[in-house]
Protein backbone atom coordinates (compact mmCIF):
# COMPACT_ATOMS: atom_id res chain seq x y z
CA MET A 1 143.83 96.79 215.24
CA SER A 2 146.29 99.49 216.39
CA GLY A 3 145.42 101.91 213.61
CA ILE A 4 149.10 102.25 212.66
CA GLU A 5 149.56 102.60 208.91
CA PRO A 6 153.10 101.76 207.70
CA ALA A 7 154.60 104.23 205.24
CA GLY A 8 156.41 101.45 203.38
CA ASP A 9 155.54 97.82 202.72
CA PRO A 10 152.31 96.56 204.35
CA LEU A 11 152.87 94.64 207.59
CA PRO A 12 151.75 90.99 207.72
CA ILE A 13 148.62 89.99 209.60
CA ILE A 14 149.26 87.36 212.29
CA ASP A 15 146.93 84.38 212.26
CA LYS A 16 145.85 82.86 215.58
CA GLU A 17 147.21 79.42 214.61
CA GLU A 18 150.65 80.90 213.94
CA VAL A 19 151.19 81.90 217.59
CA GLU A 20 150.04 78.65 219.18
CA PRO A 21 153.05 76.46 220.12
CA ARG A 22 153.06 72.98 218.58
CA PHE A 23 154.83 70.03 220.16
CA ARG A 24 156.85 67.66 217.99
CA ALA A 25 159.21 64.83 218.77
CA VAL A 26 162.27 64.85 216.51
CA VAL A 27 164.90 62.16 216.18
CA ALA A 28 168.46 62.79 215.01
CA ARG A 29 170.44 60.40 212.84
CA ASN A 30 172.22 59.02 215.90
CA GLY A 31 168.88 58.12 217.48
CA GLU A 32 168.82 60.98 219.96
CA ARG A 33 165.21 62.02 220.56
CA ARG A 34 164.01 65.45 221.68
CA GLY A 35 160.58 66.96 222.30
CA ILE A 36 160.35 70.52 220.97
CA ARG A 37 157.52 73.05 221.33
CA LEU A 38 157.60 75.86 218.75
CA GLU A 39 155.17 78.13 216.94
CA LYS A 40 154.04 76.99 213.49
CA ILE A 41 156.04 79.63 211.63
CA TYR A 42 159.29 78.45 213.24
CA TRP A 43 158.56 74.83 212.31
CA GLU A 44 158.10 76.03 208.75
CA GLY A 45 161.43 77.84 208.94
CA LEU A 46 163.20 74.75 210.27
CA SER A 47 161.60 72.64 207.56
CA ARG A 48 162.89 74.96 204.84
CA MET A 49 166.33 75.04 206.42
CA SER A 50 166.41 71.25 206.58
CA ALA A 51 165.41 70.96 202.93
CA ALA A 52 168.04 73.50 201.86
CA GLY A 53 170.72 71.76 203.90
CA LYS A 54 169.54 68.29 202.81
CA ILE A 55 169.34 67.08 206.40
CA THR A 56 166.47 66.00 208.63
CA THR A 57 164.80 68.34 211.11
CA GLY A 58 166.11 66.07 213.87
CA ASP A 59 169.69 66.52 212.68
CA LEU A 60 169.14 70.28 212.43
CA VAL A 61 167.93 70.36 216.04
CA GLN A 62 170.97 68.33 217.09
CA TYR A 63 173.26 70.74 215.20
CA THR A 64 171.62 73.66 217.02
CA ALA A 65 171.83 71.97 220.40
CA ALA A 66 175.57 71.49 219.90
CA GLN A 67 175.94 75.29 219.71
CA MET A 68 173.85 76.01 222.79
CA PRO A 69 175.75 77.86 225.52
CA GLU A 70 175.66 76.63 229.10
CA GLY A 71 172.29 77.40 230.64
CA GLY A 72 170.85 78.23 227.20
CA ASN A 73 167.35 77.47 225.95
CA LEU A 74 167.10 75.20 222.91
CA THR A 75 163.75 76.52 221.68
CA SER A 76 165.01 80.12 221.87
CA LEU A 77 168.12 79.12 219.97
CA LEU A 78 166.01 77.43 217.28
CA ARG A 79 163.94 80.60 216.90
CA VAL A 80 167.10 82.68 216.52
CA LEU A 81 168.56 80.21 214.02
CA SER A 82 165.35 80.18 211.97
CA LEU A 83 165.14 83.97 211.79
CA LYS A 84 168.87 84.35 211.09
CA TRP A 85 168.60 81.90 208.18
CA ALA A 86 165.52 83.67 206.80
CA LEU A 87 167.19 87.09 207.02
CA GLY A 88 170.25 85.73 205.24
CA ARG A 89 168.08 84.36 202.43
CA LEU A 90 166.21 87.68 202.22
CA ALA A 91 169.47 89.65 201.97
CA THR A 92 170.63 87.43 199.11
CA VAL A 93 167.34 87.80 197.23
CA GLU A 94 167.29 91.58 197.72
CA GLU A 95 170.86 91.86 196.43
CA VAL A 96 170.04 89.83 193.31
CA SER A 97 166.78 91.71 192.71
CA SER A 98 168.17 95.21 193.29
CA LEU A 99 167.61 98.10 190.90
CA GLU A 100 171.32 98.03 190.08
CA ASN A 101 171.13 94.41 188.93
CA LEU A 102 167.92 95.09 187.01
CA GLY A 103 169.65 97.94 185.18
CA ALA A 104 172.55 95.62 184.32
CA LEU A 105 170.09 92.99 183.05
CA VAL A 106 168.51 95.55 180.73
CA GLN A 107 171.89 96.71 179.42
CA ALA A 108 172.93 93.11 178.74
CA SER A 109 169.90 92.46 176.51
CA PRO A 110 170.72 92.44 172.78
CA SER A 111 167.19 93.57 171.86
CA PRO A 112 165.52 96.91 172.59
CA THR A 113 164.51 96.59 176.24
CA VAL A 114 162.73 98.88 178.68
CA VAL A 115 161.50 98.79 182.27
CA LEU A 116 158.16 100.46 183.01
CA THR A 117 157.01 101.59 186.44
CA ARG A 118 153.42 101.40 187.65
CA GLU A 119 153.32 105.17 187.04
CA LYS A 120 154.04 104.56 183.31
CA ARG A 121 157.56 105.95 183.56
CA LEU A 122 160.59 104.49 181.78
CA GLN A 123 162.85 103.37 184.64
CA PHE A 124 165.52 101.81 182.39
CA PHE A 125 166.26 101.40 178.70
CA ASN A 126 169.28 100.13 176.78
CA GLU A 127 171.42 101.13 173.83
CA PRO A 128 169.51 98.94 171.29
CA PHE A 129 166.37 100.86 172.33
CA LEU A 130 168.12 104.16 171.56
CA VAL A 131 169.35 102.76 168.24
CA MET A 132 165.76 101.85 167.36
CA LEU A 133 164.61 105.38 168.18
CA ARG A 134 167.34 106.97 166.07
CA GLN A 135 166.35 104.75 163.14
CA ARG A 136 162.63 105.47 163.37
CA LEU A 137 162.43 109.02 164.69
CA VAL A 138 164.15 110.85 161.87
CA GLY A 139 165.75 114.19 162.63
CA GLU A 140 165.24 114.04 166.40
CA ASP A 141 168.11 115.22 168.58
CA THR A 142 169.21 112.25 170.68
CA SER A 143 170.14 114.41 173.67
CA GLN A 144 166.59 115.82 173.77
CA LEU A 145 164.81 112.68 172.64
CA MET A 146 164.16 111.08 176.01
CA LYS A 147 162.90 114.35 177.51
CA THR A 148 159.93 114.61 175.14
CA LEU A 149 159.37 110.96 174.27
CA LYS A 150 156.14 109.28 175.39
CA PHE A 151 156.03 105.49 175.71
CA SER A 152 152.76 103.63 176.24
CA ILE A 153 151.48 100.06 175.92
CA ASP A 154 148.10 98.97 174.60
CA THR A 155 147.30 97.12 177.83
CA GLN A 156 146.76 99.01 181.07
CA ILE A 157 149.88 98.58 183.20
CA GLU A 158 147.82 97.58 186.26
CA ASP A 159 146.00 94.94 184.21
CA ALA A 160 149.28 93.66 182.77
CA MET A 161 150.79 93.33 186.26
CA ASP A 162 147.70 91.54 187.59
CA THR A 163 147.73 89.11 184.64
CA LEU A 164 151.43 88.33 185.04
CA GLN A 165 151.11 87.88 188.82
CA MET A 166 148.33 85.35 188.26
CA ASN A 167 150.39 83.57 185.59
CA ARG A 168 153.85 83.37 187.13
CA GLY A 169 156.55 82.38 184.69
CA LYS A 170 154.53 83.60 181.71
CA THR A 171 154.95 86.61 179.44
CA LEU A 172 152.38 88.95 177.97
CA ASN A 173 152.57 90.17 174.39
CA THR A 174 150.94 93.50 173.62
CA GLY A 175 151.34 96.52 171.39
CA PHE A 176 153.28 99.67 172.22
CA THR A 177 153.34 103.24 170.96
CA ILE A 178 156.18 105.71 171.06
CA SER A 179 155.43 109.32 170.22
CA CYS A 180 157.84 112.21 169.92
CA ALA A 181 156.80 115.53 168.44
CA ARG A 182 154.66 114.47 165.45
CA GLN A 183 156.36 111.14 164.85
CA VAL A 184 154.95 107.83 166.05
CA VAL A 185 156.47 104.35 166.33
CA LYS A 186 154.27 101.32 166.91
CA GLY A 187 155.16 97.68 167.46
CA GLN A 188 154.92 94.63 169.71
CA ILE A 189 156.50 94.09 173.10
CA ASN A 190 156.83 91.02 175.34
CA LEU A 191 156.25 91.92 178.99
CA ALA A 192 157.26 90.14 182.19
CA LEU A 193 157.37 91.08 185.84
CA ALA A 194 160.65 92.85 186.48
CA PRO A 195 162.90 90.99 188.96
CA ALA A 196 163.13 93.87 191.46
CA HIS A 197 161.95 93.97 195.07
CA GLU A 198 161.90 97.76 195.57
CA LYS A 199 158.68 98.30 193.64
CA PRO A 200 156.50 96.47 191.08
CA MET A 201 157.65 97.09 187.51
CA LEU A 202 157.44 95.53 184.08
CA ILE A 203 160.38 94.59 181.89
CA GLY A 204 159.61 94.66 178.18
CA TYR A 205 161.48 93.18 175.24
CA ILE A 206 160.51 94.79 171.95
CA SER A 207 159.94 92.04 169.40
CA ARG A 208 158.73 94.03 166.39
CA TYR A 209 158.72 97.67 165.30
């Protein structure tokens, strides 16, 4: 190992099998046959591209070969095509799962909704959440409310994230507590993994208070 520690996302570990070229014979729809040698990860990329485009891998290779410049290398072009497609997909996913879109999703919810960070901080909340606070926290100044408010859930956030990651597509119901000055609000909240790629967070829909 190089000893380099990335400051951001952890870097992937490369498996020995992933760098060993694998030979495959592919046949296009017109019967044209080609022998291609590529690393496993690029074959996986081509397979995903073929499935998304609803064509065979042979046809995808033929499509790529048709774009090859004079003196070009088909395997190099396939590697470029595979990475370019993957980066395009990644850009789309990151745009959809941005913090801006997550904030819009919270604001669009008709029920009191919050987003909690791993550090137990309220990242987002919506107007129905504020309405709930005004109804339950009598006499509190709305402009100062969020500065002194403490929001906690009965389940440890780390445990909730681990449970939801192991049960993709599921939600977790738990209790919550809001405290402000000497007033306390308790209720139930449905948690899910927040659709955001920047950092792991929980989105919670308050079901009872």
